[in-house]
Protein backbone atom coordinates (compact mmCIF):
# COMPACT_ATOMS: atom_id res chain seq x y z
CA MET A 1 -37.40 62.66 205.74
CA ASP A 2 -34.16 61.77 207.20
CA GLN A 3 -34.37 58.38 205.82
CA LEU A 4 -35.23 59.48 202.10
CA LEU A 5 -32.13 61.67 202.04
CA ARG A 6 -30.08 58.99 203.15
CA GLN A 7 -32.12 56.71 200.67
CA GLN A 8 -31.07 59.31 197.94
CA ALA A 9 -27.45 59.86 199.02
CA ARG A 10 -26.97 55.92 198.58
CA ALA A 11 -28.44 55.87 195.27
CA ARG A 12 -26.23 58.96 193.78
CA ALA A 13 -23.16 57.33 195.55
CA ARG A 14 -23.88 53.73 193.86
CA GLN A 15 -24.34 55.47 190.60
CA ALA A 16 -21.20 57.86 190.73
CA ARG A 17 -19.41 54.00 191.76
CA THR A 18 -21.22 52.37 188.23
CA LYS A 19 -20.17 55.33 186.41
CA VAL A 20 -16.11 55.25 187.57
CA ARG A 21 -16.17 51.24 187.03
CA GLN A 22 -17.82 51.83 183.39
CA GLU A 23 -14.65 54.64 182.87
CA GLN A 24 -12.35 52.13 184.35
CA ALA A 25 -13.60 49.73 182.03
CA LYS A 26 -12.75 51.80 178.82
CA ARG A 27 -9.59 53.24 180.25
CA GLU A 28 -8.39 49.44 180.54
CA ARG A 29 -10.04 48.41 177.04
CA ARG A 30 -8.05 51.40 175.67
CA LEU A 31 -4.94 50.36 177.31
CA ALA A 32 -5.25 46.65 176.39
CA LYS A 33 -5.63 47.85 172.63
CA TRP A 34 -2.30 49.92 172.86
CA GLY A 35 -0.20 47.45 174.53
CA GLU A 36 -1.61 45.31 172.03
CA ALA A 37 -0.36 47.34 169.08
CA VAL A 38 3.02 48.16 171.04
CA ALA A 39 3.51 44.19 170.99
CA VAL A 40 2.39 43.33 167.48
CA ALA A 41 4.66 46.28 166.30
CA LEU A 42 7.73 45.29 168.30
CA ALA A 43 7.37 41.51 167.13
CA GLU A 44 6.87 42.84 163.50
CA ARG A 45 9.83 44.87 163.84
CA ASP A 46 11.81 42.11 165.32
CA ALA A 47 11.15 39.68 162.28
CA MET A 48 12.30 42.28 159.93
CA VAL A 49 15.26 42.88 161.86
CA THR A 50 15.94 39.11 161.89
CA ASP A 51 14.95 38.96 158.40
CA CYS A 52 17.71 41.25 157.09
CA GLU A 53 19.95 40.37 159.50
CA GLN A 54 19.81 36.68 157.96
CA ARG A 55 20.24 38.25 154.19
CA ALA A 56 23.64 40.18 155.48
CA GLY A 57 24.81 37.11 157.47
CA ARG A 58 24.13 35.09 153.50
CA ALA A 59 25.93 37.70 151.72
CA LEU A 60 28.91 37.93 154.01
CA ARG A 61 29.32 34.71 154.24
CA SER A 62 29.01 34.27 149.84
CA MET A 63 31.67 37.11 150.67
CA ILE A 64 34.10 35.30 153.05
CA GLU A 65 33.46 31.57 151.78
CA ALA A 66 32.60 32.20 147.88
CA GLU A 67 34.78 34.92 147.07
CA GLU A 68 37.65 33.99 149.79
CA LEU A 69 37.52 37.18 151.10
CA SER A 70 38.91 38.01 154.85
CA THR A 71 36.72 39.72 157.09
CA GLN A 72 38.72 42.46 157.14
CA GLU A 73 38.66 42.41 153.21
CA ALA A 74 34.56 41.77 153.45
CA LEU A 75 34.53 44.61 156.21
CA ALA A 76 36.25 47.09 153.58
CA TRP A 77 33.48 46.29 150.91
CA CYS A 78 30.95 46.89 153.39
CA GLY A 79 32.33 50.24 154.61
CA ASP A 80 35.02 49.75 157.60
CA ASP A 81 32.53 52.02 159.81
CA THR A 82 29.29 49.84 158.83
CA LEU A 83 30.06 46.52 160.87
CA THR A 84 32.71 45.20 163.40
CA GLY A 85 34.25 41.97 162.84
CA ARG A 86 32.76 40.42 165.68
CA GLU A 87 29.17 41.46 164.29
CA VAL A 88 30.45 39.87 160.73
CA HIS A 89 30.85 36.47 162.53
CA ARG A 90 27.69 37.09 164.61
CA LEU A 91 25.55 37.63 161.53
CA ILE A 92 27.45 34.88 159.67
CA ARG A 93 26.33 31.96 162.77
CA GLY A 94 23.07 33.58 162.64
CA VAL A 95 22.71 31.82 159.24
CA ALA A 96 21.71 28.23 158.38
CA ASP A 97 24.49 25.95 157.83
CA GLY A 98 25.26 26.11 154.06
CA GLU A 99 22.92 29.06 152.89
CA GLN A 100 24.54 31.88 150.65
CA ALA A 101 23.07 34.89 148.99
CA HIS A 102 21.06 32.95 146.04
CA ASP A 103 22.28 35.24 143.47
CA SER A 104 25.36 37.51 143.09
CA ASP A 105 23.50 40.42 141.25
CA GLU A 106 20.87 39.88 144.09
CA ASP A 107 20.61 43.26 145.81
CA PRO A 108 20.94 42.44 149.62
CA ARG A 109 19.35 45.43 150.11
CA ALA A 110 16.25 44.86 148.53
CA GLU A 111 13.53 44.08 151.23
CA CYS A 112 15.29 46.41 153.93
CA THR A 113 15.58 49.50 152.06
CA ASP A 114 12.20 50.35 152.40
CA HIS A 115 11.66 50.40 156.24
CA THR A 116 12.91 53.43 157.59
CA MET A 117 12.65 52.09 161.19
CA LEU A 118 15.80 50.14 160.71
CA GLY A 119 17.79 53.22 159.93
């Protein structure tokens, strides 16, 4: 009788461990899925920011090189509190050599304005 009780107790303990392992596995799958979603969203955001910064850099380069504005004049056209001179130089340096805005009538905000996460 004693042996039967021990066997039943061990069987219940094994079942409980199996259930715990299954729940842990489910939780790990959920966490992995959410972790991947975060990583993908951040990568998409980074790509979007890079694209918008490239376009801003091209437009700034066009203002400074094609329109022969100084950095301070370009800043004034962008709104004095929008950028710093240091940011202007960083954006311009980030643009591939020789690239400028394609069309003077092009709206440089066209692809960035629909993305609320960019501000």
